[in-house]
Amino acid sequence: MKEDKQQQQLVSTSTAGAGGSSSTTSADVWTIVYELHRISPQILTTVIGTVANSLEDPDLSRRLRVTKLLGRLFYAPISNIGIQFGPCYREWIRRSQDIEPKVRLAMVKYLVTILTNKG
C-alpha cells in the first residue's frame, strides 16, 4: 500500500514535469514512464491518460516523443497494453494521419514492429 502511494507520487511528479518548457525534462519523464512500464506495468493506469493527452499537443517535438513512447509500449512483446488501454491505443493509431510527416513515419515504424511482434 505504501509502495503504491510512493509510485503514484513519483508518477504525479514526473507527469507534472512533462508540461514544462524544458525538452530535456520532458524526455526524462517519458523515459521514466517507459521504465515504470518495464518494472511495474500496472502503474501506467495512473499516467496513461496524461500521456495520451499529449498526442494532440500542438508542439511537434512533444507529440513525436509521446508517439514514440506509446509505440514502444504497444510493441513490447510481453505487453498487452494496447488491449488494456484501448481508447489510448485508438488515439495513438490516429497519429498515422498526423499532419506532420515525422510523426507519420514514426507510426509506420512502430506499426510494422507491432505487426511483427504481435502478429
PDB file of N, CA and C in Angstrom:
ATOM      1  N   MET A   1       0.833  -1.185   0.000  1.00  0.00           N
ATOM      2  CA  MET A   1       0.000   0.000   0.000  1.00  0.00           C
ATOM      3  C   MET A   1       0.874   1.244   0.000  1.00  0.00           C
ATOM      4  N   LYS A   2       1.856   1.277   0.890  1.00  0.00           N
ATOM      5  CA  LYS A   2       2.757   2.419   0.954  1.00  0.00           C
ATOM      6  C   LYS A   2       3.552   2.539  -0.347  1.00  0.00           C
ATOM      7  N   GLU A   3       3.961   1.389  -0.900  1.00  0.00           N
ATOM      8  CA  GLU A   3       4.718   1.382  -2.159  1.00  0.00           C
ATOM      9  C   GLU A   3       3.871   1.955  -3.295  1.00  0.00           C
ATOM     10  N   ASP A   4       2.572   1.595  -3.349  1.00  0.00           N
ATOM     11  CA  ASP A   4       1.686   2.132  -4.379  1.00  0.00           C
ATOM     12  C   ASP A   4       1.587   3.642  -4.281  1.00  0.00           C
ATOM     13  N   LYS A   5       1.466   4.148  -3.056  1.00  0.00           N
ATOM     14  CA  LYS A   5       1.366   5.589  -2.859  1.00  0.00           C
ATOM     15  C   LYS A   5       2.647   6.291  -3.316  1.00  0.00           C
ATOM     16  N   GLN A   6       3.807   5.690  -3.025  1.00  0.00           N
ATOM     17  CA  GLN A   6       5.081   6.260  -3.447  1.00  0.00           C
ATOM     18  C   GLN A   6       5.183   6.269  -4.969  1.00  0.00           C
ATOM     19  N   GLN A   7       4.725   5.190  -5.616  1.00  0.00           N
ATOM     20  CA  GLN A   7       4.762   5.130  -7.073  1.00  0.00           C
ATOM     21  C   GLN A   7       3.861   6.198  -7.674  1.00  0.00           C
ATOM     22  N   GLN A   8       2.675   6.391  -7.081  1.00  0.00           N
ATOM     23  CA  GLN A   8       1.763   7.405  -7.588  1.00  0.00           C
ATOM     24  C   GLN A   8       2.355   8.796  -7.431  1.00  0.00           C
ATOM     25  N   GLN A   9       3.049   9.043  -6.323  1.00  0.00           N
ATOM     26  CA  GLN A   9       3.688  10.344  -6.122  1.00  0.00           C
ATOM     27  C   GLN A   9       4.784  10.565  -7.157  1.00  0.00           C
ATOM     28  N   LEU A  10       5.568   9.529  -7.438  1.00  0.00           N
ATOM     29  CA  LEU A  10       6.622   9.636  -8.443  1.00  0.00           C
ATOM     30  C   LEU A  10       6.020   9.964  -9.802  1.00  0.00           C
ATOM     31  N   VAL A  11       4.953   9.263 -10.154  1.00  0.00           N
ATOM     32  CA  VAL A  11       4.314   9.486 -11.442  1.00  0.00           C
ATOM     33  C   VAL A  11       3.710  10.873 -11.499  1.00  0.00           C
ATOM     34  N   SER A  12       3.054  11.311 -10.423  1.00  0.00           N
ATOM     35  CA  SER A  12       2.467  12.645 -10.404  1.00  0.00           C
ATOM     36  C   SER A  12       3.536  13.706 -10.592  1.00  0.00           C
ATOM     37  N   THR A  13       4.635  13.560  -9.897  1.00  0.00           N
ATOM     38  CA  THR A  13       5.737  14.499 -10.019  1.00  0.00           C
ATOM     39  C   THR A  13       6.304  14.464 -11.432  1.00  0.00           C
ATOM     40  N   SER A  14       6.454  13.274 -11.980  1.00  0.00           N
ATOM     41  CA  SER A  14       7.026  13.125 -13.318  1.00  0.00           C
ATOM     42  C   SER A  14       6.133  13.709 -14.382  1.00  0.00           C
ATOM     43  N   THR A  15       4.827  13.429 -14.303  1.00  0.00           N
ATOM     44  CA  THR A  15       3.935  13.935 -15.338  1.00  0.00           C
ATOM     45  C   THR A  15       3.734  15.429 -15.206  1.00  0.00           C
ATOM     46  N   ALA A  16       3.843  15.955 -14.011  1.00  0.00           N
ATOM     47  CA  ALA A  16       3.759  17.406 -13.844  1.00  0.00           C
ATOM     48  C   ALA A  16       4.913  18.077 -14.575  1.00  0.00           C
ATOM     49  N   GLY A  17       6.080  17.451 -14.560  1.00  0.00           N
ATOM     50  CA  GLY A  17       7.238  17.999 -15.259  1.00  0.00           C
ATOM     51  C   GLY A  17       7.090  17.949 -16.759  1.00  0.00           C
ATOM     52  N   ALA A  18       6.200  17.113 -17.248  1.00  0.00           N
ATOM     53  CA  ALA A  18       6.015  16.992 -18.692  1.00  0.00           C
ATOM     54  C   ALA A  18       5.462  18.258 -19.306  1.00  0.00           C
ATOM     55  N   GLY A  19       4.796  19.059 -18.501  1.00  0.00           N
ATOM     56  CA  GLY A  19       4.235  20.286 -19.031  1.00  0.00           C
ATOM     57  C   GLY A  19       5.233  21.415 -19.085  1.00  0.00           C
ATOM     58  N   GLY A  20       6.427  21.200 -18.556  1.00  0.00           N
ATOM     59  CA  GLY A  20       7.433  22.251 -18.528  1.00  0.00           C
ATOM     60  C   GLY A  20       7.972  22.566 -19.898  1.00  0.00           C
ATOM     61  N   SER A  21       8.741  23.641 -19.966  1.00  0.00           N
ATOM     62  CA  SER A  21       9.255  24.069 -21.263  1.00  0.00           C
ATOM     63  C   SER A  21      10.559  23.380 -21.633  1.00  0.00           C
ATOM     64  N   SER A  22      11.172  22.698 -20.696  1.00  0.00           N
ATOM     65  CA  SER A  22      12.447  22.054 -20.968  1.00  0.00           C
ATOM     66  C   SER A  22      12.241  20.731 -21.678  1.00  0.00           C
ATOM     67  N   SER A  23      12.794  20.599 -22.883  1.00  0.00           N
ATOM     68  CA  SER A  23      12.636  19.343 -23.609  1.00  0.00           C
ATOM     69  C   SER A  23      13.419  18.227 -22.933  1.00  0.00           C
ATOM     70  N   THR A  24      14.491  18.553 -22.235  1.00  0.00           N
ATOM     71  CA  THR A  24      15.251  17.541 -21.505  1.00  0.00           C
ATOM     72  C   THR A  24      14.400  16.955 -20.389  1.00  0.00           C
ATOM     73  N   THR A  25      13.704  17.818 -19.663  1.00  0.00           N
ATOM     74  CA  THR A  25      12.833  17.342 -18.597  1.00  0.00           C
ATOM     75  C   THR A  25      11.748  16.451 -19.165  1.00  0.00           C
ATOM     76  N   SER A  26      11.113  16.868 -20.244  1.00  0.00           N
ATOM     77  CA  SER A  26      10.064  16.065 -20.860  1.00  0.00           C
ATOM     78  C   SER A  26      10.604  14.728 -21.333  1.00  0.00           C
ATOM     79  N   ALA A  27      11.767  14.728 -21.961  1.00  0.00           N
ATOM     80  CA  ALA A  27      12.367  13.481 -22.424  1.00  0.00           C
ATOM     81  C   ALA A  27      12.635  12.558 -21.256  1.00  0.00           C
ATOM     82  N   ASP A  28      13.098  13.113 -20.136  1.00  0.00           N
ATOM     83  CA  ASP A  28      13.345  12.308 -18.951  1.00  0.00           C
ATOM     84  C   ASP A  28      12.057  11.709 -18.411  1.00  0.00           C
ATOM     85  N   VAL A  29      10.979  12.483 -18.452  1.00  0.00           N
ATOM     86  CA  VAL A  29       9.689  11.991 -17.982  1.00  0.00           C
ATOM     87  C   VAL A  29       9.243  10.807 -18.816  1.00  0.00           C
ATOM     88  N   TRP A  30       9.390  10.907 -20.131  1.00  0.00           N
ATOM     89  CA  TRP A  30       8.953   9.807 -20.994  1.00  0.00           C
ATOM     90  C   TRP A  30       9.807   8.561 -20.746  1.00  0.00           C
ATOM     91  N   THR A  31      11.082   8.750 -20.468  1.00  0.00           N
ATOM     92  CA  THR A  31      11.952   7.622 -20.133  1.00  0.00           C
ATOM     93  C   THR A  31      11.498   6.974 -18.835  1.00  0.00           C
ATOM     94  N   ILE A  32      11.142   7.791 -17.860  1.00  0.00           N
ATOM     95  CA  ILE A  32      10.662   7.261 -16.579  1.00  0.00           C
ATOM     96  C   ILE A  32       9.381   6.462 -16.784  1.00  0.00           C
ATOM     97  N   VAL A  33       8.474   6.982 -17.592  1.00  0.00           N
ATOM     98  CA  VAL A  33       7.221   6.270 -17.850  1.00  0.00           C
ATOM     99  C   VAL A  33       7.510   4.917 -18.477  1.00  0.00           C
ATOM    100  N   TYR A  34       8.406   4.882 -19.454  1.00  0.00           N
ATOM    101  CA  TYR A  34       8.730   3.609 -20.109  1.00  0.00           C
ATOM    102  C   TYR A  34       9.358   2.627 -19.117  1.00  0.00           C
ATOM    103  N   GLU A  35      10.283   3.104 -18.310  1.00  0.00           N
ATOM    104  CA  GLU A  35      10.938   2.228 -17.338  1.00  0.00           C
ATOM    105  C   GLU A  35       9.943   1.728 -16.289  1.00  0.00           C
ATOM    106  N   LEU A  36       9.004   2.571 -15.879  1.00  0.00           N
ATOM    107  CA  LEU A  36       7.964   2.129 -14.953  1.00  0.00           C
ATOM    108  C   LEU A  36       7.152   0.999 -15.570  1.00  0.00           C
ATOM    109  N   HIS A  37       6.881   1.119 -16.858  1.00  0.00           N
ATOM    110  CA  HIS A  37       6.147   0.056 -17.559  1.00  0.00           C
ATOM    111  C   HIS A  37       6.911  -1.261 -17.497  1.00  0.00           C
ATOM    112  N   ARG A  38       8.217  -1.182 -17.675  1.00  0.00           N
ATOM    113  CA  ARG A  38       9.026  -2.408 -17.641  1.00  0.00           C
ATOM    114  C   ARG A  38       9.043  -3.031 -16.255  1.00  0.00           C
ATOM    115  N   ILE A  39       9.079  -2.193 -15.225  1.00  0.00           N
ATOM    116  CA  ILE A  39       9.186  -2.674 -13.857  1.00  0.00           C
ATOM    117  C   ILE A  39       7.831  -3.062 -13.282  1.00  0.00           C
ATOM    118  N   SER A  40       6.844  -2.220 -13.512  1.00  0.00           N
ATOM    119  CA  SER A  40       5.524  -2.408 -12.897  1.00  0.00           C
ATOM    120  C   SER A  40       4.440  -1.887 -13.840  1.00  0.00           C
ATOM    121  N   PRO A  41       4.018  -2.710 -14.805  1.00  0.00           N
ATOM    122  CA  PRO A  41       3.062  -2.249 -15.815  1.00  0.00           C
ATOM    123  C   PRO A  41       1.768  -1.664 -15.247  1.00  0.00           C
ATOM    124  N   GLN A  42       1.317  -2.158 -14.115  1.00  0.00           N
ATOM    125  CA  GLN A  42       0.058  -1.657 -13.560  1.00  0.00           C
ATOM    126  C   GLN A  42       0.132  -0.188 -13.156  1.00  0.00           C
ATOM    127  N   ILE A  43       1.325   0.336 -12.971  1.00  0.00           N
ATOM    128  CA  ILE A  43       1.471   1.748 -12.591  1.00  0.00           C
ATOM    129  C   ILE A  43       0.986   2.667 -13.707  1.00  0.00           C
ATOM    130  N   LEU A  44       0.951   2.169 -14.936  1.00  0.00           N
ATOM    131  CA  LEU A  44       0.539   3.009 -16.059  1.00  0.00           C
ATOM    132  C   LEU A  44      -0.911   3.460 -15.966  1.00  0.00           C
ATOM    133  N   THR A  45      -1.708   2.774 -15.182  1.00  0.00           N
ATOM    134  CA  THR A  45      -3.102   3.185 -15.058  1.00  0.00           C
ATOM    135  C   THR A  45      -3.214   4.605 -14.518  1.00  0.00           C
ATOM    136  N   THR A  46      -2.194   5.061 -13.809  1.00  0.00           N
ATOM    137  CA  THR A  46      -2.240   6.408 -13.240  1.00  0.00           C
ATOM    138  C   THR A  46      -1.686   7.473 -14.185  1.00  0.00           C
ATOM    139  N   VAL A  47      -1.011   7.079 -15.257  1.00  0.00           N
ATOM    140  CA  VAL A  47      -0.395   8.077 -16.130  1.00  0.00           C
ATOM    141  C   VAL A  47      -0.782   7.986 -17.600  1.00  0.00           C
ATOM    142  N   ILE A  48      -1.354   6.879 -18.017  1.00  0.00           N
ATOM    143  CA  ILE A  48      -1.562   6.676 -19.454  1.00  0.00           C
ATOM    144  C   ILE A  48      -2.471   7.742 -20.069  1.00  0.00           C
ATOM    145  N   GLY A  49      -3.473   8.182 -19.329  1.00  0.00           N
ATOM    146  CA  GLY A  49      -4.357   9.236 -19.837  1.00  0.00           C
ATOM    147  C   GLY A  49      -3.617  10.537 -20.049  1.00  0.00           C
ATOM    148  N   THR A  50      -2.755  10.883 -19.105  1.00  0.00           N
ATOM    149  CA  THR A  50      -1.964  12.107 -19.222  1.00  0.00           C
ATOM    150  C   THR A  50      -1.034  12.032 -20.422  1.00  0.00           C
ATOM    151  N   VAL A  51      -0.415  10.889 -20.598  1.00  0.00           N
ATOM    152  CA  VAL A  51       0.483  10.697 -21.733  1.00  0.00           C
ATOM    153  C   VAL A  51      -0.303  10.791 -23.038  1.00  0.00           C
ATOM    154  N   ALA A  52      -1.439  10.111 -23.100  1.00  0.00           N
ATOM    155  CA  ALA A  52      -2.238  10.097 -24.327  1.00  0.00           C
ATOM    156  C   ALA A  52      -2.746  11.494 -24.693  1.00  0.00           C
ATOM    157  N   ASN A  53      -3.005  12.323 -23.703  1.00  0.00           N
ATOM    158  CA  ASN A  53      -3.448  13.692 -23.990  1.00  0.00           C
ATOM    159  C   ASN A  53      -2.415  14.469 -24.797  1.00  0.00           C
ATOM    160  N   SER A  54      -1.164  14.118 -24.649  1.00  0.00           N
ATOM    161  CA  SER A  54      -0.100  14.816 -25.369  1.00  0.00           C
ATOM    162  C   SER A  54      -0.012  14.415 -26.836  1.00  0.00           C
ATOM    163  N   LEU A  55      -0.781  13.413 -27.250  1.00  0.00           N
ATOM    164  CA  LEU A  55      -0.773  13.019 -28.661  1.00  0.00           C
ATOM    165  C   LEU A  55      -1.320  14.117 -29.565  1.00  0.00           C
ATOM    166  N   GLU A  56      -2.104  15.001 -29.009  1.00  0.00           N
ATOM    167  CA  GLU A  56      -2.684  16.085 -29.802  1.00  0.00           C
ATOM    168  C   GLU A  56      -2.039  17.425 -29.476  1.00  0.00           C
ATOM    169  N   ASP A  57      -0.914  17.393 -28.814  1.00  0.00           N
ATOM    170  CA  ASP A  57      -0.218  18.620 -28.447  1.00  0.00           C
ATOM    171  C   ASP A  57       0.208  19.370 -29.705  1.00  0.00           C
ATOM    172  N   PRO A  58       0.042  20.683 -29.734  1.00  0.00           N
ATOM    173  CA  PRO A  58       0.462  21.442 -30.926  1.00  0.00           C
ATOM    174  C   PRO A  58       1.976  21.456 -31.137  1.00  0.00           C
ATOM    175  N   ASP A  59       2.732  21.203 -30.072  1.00  0.00           N
ATOM    176  CA  ASP A  59       4.188  21.178 -30.174  1.00  0.00           C
ATOM    177  C   ASP A  59       4.633  19.858 -30.818  1.00  0.00           C
ATOM    178  N   LEU A  60       5.232  19.957 -31.993  1.00  0.00           N
ATOM    179  CA  LEU A  60       5.645  18.773 -32.747  1.00  0.00           C
ATOM    180  C   LEU A  60       6.589  17.880 -31.955  1.00  0.00           C
ATOM    181  N   SER A  61       7.600  18.452 -31.320  1.00  0.00           N
ATOM    182  CA  SER A  61       8.590  17.609 -30.638  1.00  0.00           C
ATOM    183  C   SER A  61       7.943  16.804 -29.508  1.00  0.00           C
ATOM    184  N   ARG A  62       7.032  17.417 -28.802  1.00  0.00           N
ATOM    185  CA  ARG A  62       6.362  16.690 -27.713  1.00  0.00           C
ATOM    186  C   ARG A  62       5.448  15.606 -28.283  1.00  0.00           C
ATOM    187  N   ARG A  63       4.691  15.938 -29.309  1.00  0.00           N
ATOM    188  CA  ARG A  63       3.793  14.965 -29.939  1.00  0.00           C
ATOM    189  C   ARG A  63       4.579  13.783 -30.487  1.00  0.00           C
ATOM    190  N   LEU A  64       5.727  14.058 -31.077  1.00  0.00           N
ATOM    191  CA  LEU A  64       6.563  12.992 -31.623  1.00  0.00           C
ATOM    192  C   LEU A  64       7.124  12.114 -30.512  1.00  0.00           C
ATOM    193  N   ARG A  65       7.602  12.715 -29.423  1.00  0.00           N
ATOM    194  CA  ARG A  65       8.133  11.925 -28.303  1.00  0.00           C
ATOM    195  C   ARG A  65       7.065  11.022 -27.692  1.00  0.00           C
ATOM    196  N   VAL A  66       5.862  11.551 -27.547  1.00  0.00           N
ATOM    197  CA  VAL A  66       4.773  10.760 -26.973  1.00  0.00           C
ATOM    198  C   VAL A  66       4.375   9.642 -27.932  1.00  0.00           C
ATOM    199  N   THR A  67       4.331   9.944 -29.217  1.00  0.00           N
ATOM    200  CA  THR A  67       4.017   8.924 -30.218  1.00  0.00           C
ATOM    201  C   THR A  67       5.029   7.782 -30.147  1.00  0.00           C
ATOM    202  N   LYS A  68       6.295   8.131 -30.033  1.00  0.00           N
ATOM    203  CA  LYS A  68       7.344   7.109 -29.940  1.00  0.00           C
ATOM    204  C   LYS A  68       7.258   6.325 -28.637  1.00  0.00           C
ATOM    205  N   LEU A  69       7.009   7.019 -27.538  1.00  0.00           N
ATOM    206  CA  LEU A  69       6.882   6.332 -26.252  1.00  0.00           C
ATOM    207  C   LEU A  69       5.749   5.311 -26.300  1.00  0.00           C
ATOM    208  N   LEU A  70       4.587   5.750 -26.747  1.00  0.00           N
ATOM    209  CA  LEU A  70       3.460   4.820 -26.801  1.00  0.00           C
ATOM    210  C   LEU A  70       3.728   3.685 -27.787  1.00  0.00           C
ATOM    211  N   GLY A  71       4.395   3.988 -28.882  1.00  0.00           N
ATOM    212  CA  GLY A  71       4.764   2.924 -29.824  1.00  0.00           C
ATOM    213  C   GLY A  71       5.624   1.866 -29.146  1.00  0.00           C
ATOM    214  N   ARG A  72       6.600   2.308 -28.369  1.00  0.00           N
ATOM    215  CA  ARG A  72       7.459   1.362 -27.639  1.00  0.00           C
ATOM    216  C   ARG A  72       6.651   0.545 -26.641  1.00  0.00           C
ATOM    217  N   LEU A  73       5.720   1.190 -25.974  1.00  0.00           N
ATOM    218  CA  LEU A  73       4.891   0.472 -25.006  1.00  0.00           C
ATOM    219  C   LEU A  73       3.988  -0.545 -25.703  1.00  0.00           C
ATOM    220  N   PHE A  74       3.398  -0.147 -26.816  1.00  0.00           N
ATOM    221  CA  PHE A  74       2.473  -1.034 -27.511  1.00  0.00           C
ATOM    222  C   PHE A  74       3.176  -2.198 -28.197  1.00  0.00           C
ATOM    223  N   TYR A  75       4.408  -2.009 -28.659  1.00  0.00           N
ATOM    224  CA  TYR A  75       5.060  -3.114 -29.373  1.00  0.00           C
ATOM    225  C   TYR A  75       5.823  -4.070 -28.474  1.00  0.00           C
ATOM    226  N   ALA A  76       5.945  -3.784 -27.214  1.00  0.00           N
ATOM    227  CA  ALA A  76       6.666  -4.682 -26.307  1.00  0.00           C
ATOM    228  C   ALA A  76       6.067  -6.084 -26.384  1.00  0.00           C
ATOM    229  N   PRO A  77       6.899  -7.084 -26.697  1.00  0.00           N
ATOM    230  CA  PRO A  77       6.391  -8.444 -26.893  1.00  0.00           C
ATOM    231  C   PRO A  77       5.647  -9.022 -25.680  1.00  0.00           C
ATOM    232  N   ILE A  78       6.018  -8.606 -24.493  1.00  0.00           N
ATOM    233  CA  ILE A  78       5.405  -9.174 -23.292  1.00  0.00           C
ATOM    234  C   ILE A  78       4.228  -8.344 -22.781  1.00  0.00           C
ATOM    235  N   SER A  79       3.870  -7.299 -23.488  1.00  0.00           N
ATOM    236  CA  SER A  79       2.856  -6.363 -23.016  1.00  0.00           C
ATOM    237  C   SER A  79       1.566  -6.481 -23.799  1.00  0.00           C
ATOM    238  N   ASN A  80       0.459  -6.321 -23.098  1.00  0.00           N
ATOM    239  CA  ASN A  80      -0.856  -6.228 -23.739  1.00  0.00           C
ATOM    240  C   ASN A  80      -1.468  -4.860 -23.473  1.00  0.00           C
ATOM    241  N   ILE A  81      -0.625  -3.876 -23.394  1.00  0.00           N
ATOM    242  CA  ILE A  81      -1.075  -2.535 -23.029  1.00  0.00           C
ATOM    243  C   ILE A  81      -2.069  -1.967 -24.031  1.00  0.00           C
ATOM    244  N   GLY A  82      -1.951  -2.337 -25.290  1.00  0.00           N
ATOM    245  CA  GLY A  82      -2.899  -1.862 -26.297  1.00  0.00           C
ATOM    246  C   GLY A  82      -4.302  -2.374 -26.036  1.00  0.00           C
ATOM    247  N   ILE A  83      -4.414  -3.546 -25.475  1.00  0.00           N
ATOM    248  CA  ILE A  83      -5.712  -4.117 -25.125  1.00  0.00           C
ATOM    249  C   ILE A  83      -6.220  -3.497 -23.824  1.00  0.00           C
ATOM    250  N   GLN A  84      -5.325  -3.351 -22.861  1.00  0.00           N
ATOM    251  CA  GLN A  84      -5.708  -2.796 -21.563  1.00  0.00           C
ATOM    252  C   GLN A  84      -6.155  -1.337 -21.665  1.00  0.00           C
ATOM    253  N   PHE A  85      -5.549  -0.593 -22.571  1.00  0.00           N
ATOM    254  CA  PHE A  85      -5.852   0.825 -22.730  1.00  0.00           C
ATOM    255  C   PHE A  85      -6.320   1.099 -24.155  1.00  0.00           C
ATOM    256  N   GLY A  86      -7.421   0.455 -24.527  1.00  0.00           N
ATOM    257  CA  GLY A  86      -7.951   0.552 -25.888  1.00  0.00           C
ATOM    258  C   GLY A  86      -8.172   1.977 -26.386  1.00  0.00           C
ATOM    259  N   PRO A  87      -8.805   2.859 -25.609  1.00  0.00           N
ATOM    260  CA  PRO A  87      -9.003   4.232 -26.091  1.00  0.00           C
ATOM    261  C   PRO A  87      -7.675   4.957 -26.369  1.00  0.00           C
ATOM    262  N   CYS A  88      -6.684   4.716 -25.534  1.00  0.00           N
ATOM    263  CA  CYS A  88      -5.365   5.317 -25.740  1.00  0.00           C
ATOM    264  C   CYS A  88      -4.742   4.764 -27.025  1.00  0.00           C
ATOM    265  N   TYR A  89      -4.871   3.456 -27.217  1.00  0.00           N
ATOM    266  CA  TYR A  89      -4.324   2.830 -28.417  1.00  0.00           C
ATOM    267  C   TYR A  89      -4.994   3.409 -29.660  1.00  0.00           C
ATOM    268  N   ARG A  90      -6.304   3.565 -29.634  1.00  0.00           N
ATOM    269  CA  ARG A  90      -7.015   4.113 -30.797  1.00  0.00           C
ATOM    270  C   ARG A  90      -6.595   5.553 -31.077  1.00  0.00           C
ATOM    271  N   GLU A  91      -6.407   6.319 -30.023  1.00  0.00           N
ATOM    272  CA  GLU A  91      -5.949   7.704 -30.216  1.00  0.00           C
ATOM    273  C   GLU A  91      -4.537   7.706 -30.816  1.00  0.00           C
ATOM    274  N   TRP A  92      -3.714   6.802 -30.348  1.00  0.00           N
ATOM    275  CA  TRP A  92      -2.348   6.684 -30.875  1.00  0.00           C
ATOM    276  C   TRP A  92      -2.393   6.304 -32.362  1.00  0.00           C
ATOM    277  N   ILE A  93      -3.258   5.386 -32.721  1.00  0.00           N
ATOM    278  CA  ILE A  93      -3.396   4.964 -34.126  1.00  0.00           C
ATOM    279  C   ILE A  93      -3.759   6.151 -35.020  1.00  0.00           C
ATOM    280  N   ARG A  94      -4.526   7.086 -34.491  1.00  0.00           N
ATOM    281  CA  ARG A  94      -4.910   8.275 -35.277  1.00  0.00           C
ATOM    282  C   ARG A  94      -3.698   9.119 -35.676  1.00  0.00           C
ATOM    283  N   ARG A  95      -2.602   8.962 -34.987  1.00  0.00           N
ATOM    284  CA  ARG A  95      -1.389   9.713 -35.340  1.00  0.00           C
ATOM    285  C   ARG A  95      -0.846   9.267 -36.689  1.00  0.00           C
ATOM    286  N   SER A  96      -1.299   8.147 -37.205  1.00  0.00           N
ATOM    287  CA  SER A  96      -0.852   7.720 -38.541  1.00  0.00           C
ATOM    288  C   SER A  96      -1.387   8.671 -39.617  1.00  0.00           C
ATOM    289  N   GLN A  97      -2.309   9.551 -39.229  1.00  0.00           N
ATOM    290  CA  GLN A  97      -2.826  10.566 -40.147  1.00  0.00           C
ATOM    291  C   GLN A  97      -2.412  11.969 -39.702  1.00  0.00           C
ATOM    292  N   ASP A  98      -1.391  12.050 -38.885  1.00  0.00           N
ATOM    293  CA  ASP A  98      -0.907  13.336 -38.371  1.00  0.00           C
ATOM    294  C   ASP A  98      -0.491  14.237 -39.531  1.00  0.00           C
ATOM    295  N   ILE A  99      -0.620  15.514 -39.328  1.00  0.00           N
ATOM    296  CA  ILE A  99      -0.248  16.490 -40.353  1.00  0.00           C
ATOM    297  C   ILE A  99       1.265  16.498 -40.604  1.00  0.00           C
ATOM    298  N   GLU A 100       2.028  16.098 -39.605  1.00  0.00           N
ATOM    299  CA  GLU A 100       3.493  16.150 -39.684  1.00  0.00           C
ATOM    300  C   GLU A 100       4.070  14.823 -40.197  1.00  0.00           C
ATOM    301  N   PRO A 101       4.834  14.854 -41.285  1.00  0.00           N
ATOM    302  CA  PRO A 101       5.416  13.618 -41.830  1.00  0.00           C
ATOM    303  C   PRO A 101       6.291  12.851 -40.835  1.00  0.00           C
ATOM    304  N   LYS A 102       7.010  13.544 -39.964  1.00  0.00           N
ATOM    305  CA  LYS A 102       7.865  12.845 -38.993  1.00  0.00           C
ATOM    306  C   LYS A 102       7.043  11.941 -38.084  1.00  0.00           C
ATOM    307  N   VAL A 103       5.884  12.409 -37.688  1.00  0.00           N
ATOM    308  CA  VAL A 103       5.011  11.612 -36.825  1.00  0.00           C
ATOM    309  C   VAL A 103       4.463  10.423 -37.604  1.00  0.00           C
ATOM    310  N   ARG A 104       4.051  10.655 -38.836  1.00  0.00           N
ATOM    311  CA  ARG A 104       3.538   9.551 -39.659  1.00  0.00           C
ATOM    312  C   ARG A 104       4.605   8.493 -39.910  1.00  0.00           C
ATOM    313  N   LEU A 105       5.844   8.925 -40.156  1.00  0.00           N
ATOM    314  CA  LEU A 105       6.933   7.967 -40.365  1.00  0.00           C
ATOM    315  C   LEU A 105       7.212   7.150 -39.105  1.00  0.00           C
ATOM    316  N   ALA A 106       7.155   7.799 -37.949  1.00  0.00           N
ATOM    317  CA  ALA A 106       7.339   7.072 -36.688  1.00  0.00           C
ATOM    318  C   ALA A 106       6.231   6.031 -36.531  1.00  0.00           C
ATOM    319  N   MET A 107       5.022   6.409 -36.893  1.00  0.00           N
ATOM    320  CA  MET A 107       3.899   5.473 -36.790  1.00  0.00           C
ATOM    321  C   MET A 107       4.116   4.253 -37.674  1.00  0.00           C
ATOM    322  N   VAL A 108       4.595   4.466 -38.882  1.00  0.00           N
ATOM    323  CA  VAL A 108       4.858   3.333 -39.781  1.00  0.00           C
ATOM    324  C   VAL A 108       5.850   2.383 -39.124  1.00  0.00           C
ATOM    325  N   LYS A 109       6.914   2.934 -38.586  1.00  0.00           N
ATOM    326  CA  LYS A 109       7.938   2.107 -37.932  1.00  0.00           C
ATOM    327  C   LYS A 109       7.326   1.272 -36.809  1.00  0.00           C
ATOM    328  N   TYR A 110       6.564   1.918 -35.933  1.00  0.00           N
ATOM    329  CA  TYR A 110       6.014   1.198 -34.786  1.00  0.00           C
ATOM    330  C   TYR A 110       4.901   0.239 -35.184  1.00  0.00           C
ATOM    331  N   LEU A 111       4.098   0.606 -36.163  1.00  0.00           N
ATOM    332  CA  LEU A 111       3.031  -0.307 -36.598  1.00  0.00           C
ATOM    333  C   LEU A 111       3.611  -1.580 -37.227  1.00  0.00           C
ATOM    334  N   VAL A 112       4.679  -1.425 -38.007  1.00  0.00           N
ATOM    335  CA  VAL A 112       5.328  -2.617 -38.586  1.00  0.00           C
ATOM    336  C   VAL A 112       5.882  -3.501 -37.468  1.00  0.00           C
ATOM    337  N   THR A 113       6.485  -2.893 -36.462  1.00  0.00           N
ATOM    338  CA  THR A 113       7.031  -3.655 -35.347  1.00  0.00           C
ATOM    339  C   THR A 113       5.921  -4.350 -34.565  1.00  0.00           C
ATOM    340  N   ILE A 114       4.802  -3.677 -34.369  1.00  0.00           N
ATOM    341  CA  ILE A 114       3.668  -4.292 -33.672  1.00  0.00           C
ATOM    342  C   ILE A 114       3.169  -5.495 -34.455  1.00  0.00           C
ATOM    343  N   LEU A 115       3.039  -5.341 -35.762  1.00  0.00           N
ATOM    344  CA  LEU A 115       2.582  -6.459 -36.584  1.00  0.00           C
ATOM    345  C   LEU A 115       3.557  -7.630 -36.523  1.00  0.00           C
ATOM    346  N   THR A 116       4.835  -7.318 -36.451  1.00  0.00           N
ATOM    347  CA  THR A 116       5.851  -8.364 -36.371  1.00  0.00           C
ATOM    348  C   THR A 116       5.820  -9.054 -34.995  1.00  0.00           C
ATOM    349  N   ASN A 117       5.754  -8.264 -33.924  1.00  0.00           N
ATOM    350  CA  ASN A 117       5.796  -8.821 -32.568  1.00  0.00           C
ATOM    351  C   ASN A 117       4.478  -9.464 -32.139  1.00  0.00           C
ATOM    352  N   LYS A 118       3.386  -8.909 -32.580  1.00  0.00           N
ATOM    353  CA  LYS A 118       2.079  -9.351 -32.089  1.00  0.00           C
ATOM    354  C   LYS A 118       1.330 -10.221 -33.091  1.00  0.00           C
ATOM    355  N   GLY A 119       1.819 -10.255 -34.328  1.00  0.00           N
ATOM    356  CA  GLY A 119       1.098 -10.961 -35.388  1.00  0.00           C
ATOM    357  C   GLY A 119       1.306 -12.382 -35.396  1.00  0.00           C
TER     358      GLY A 119
END
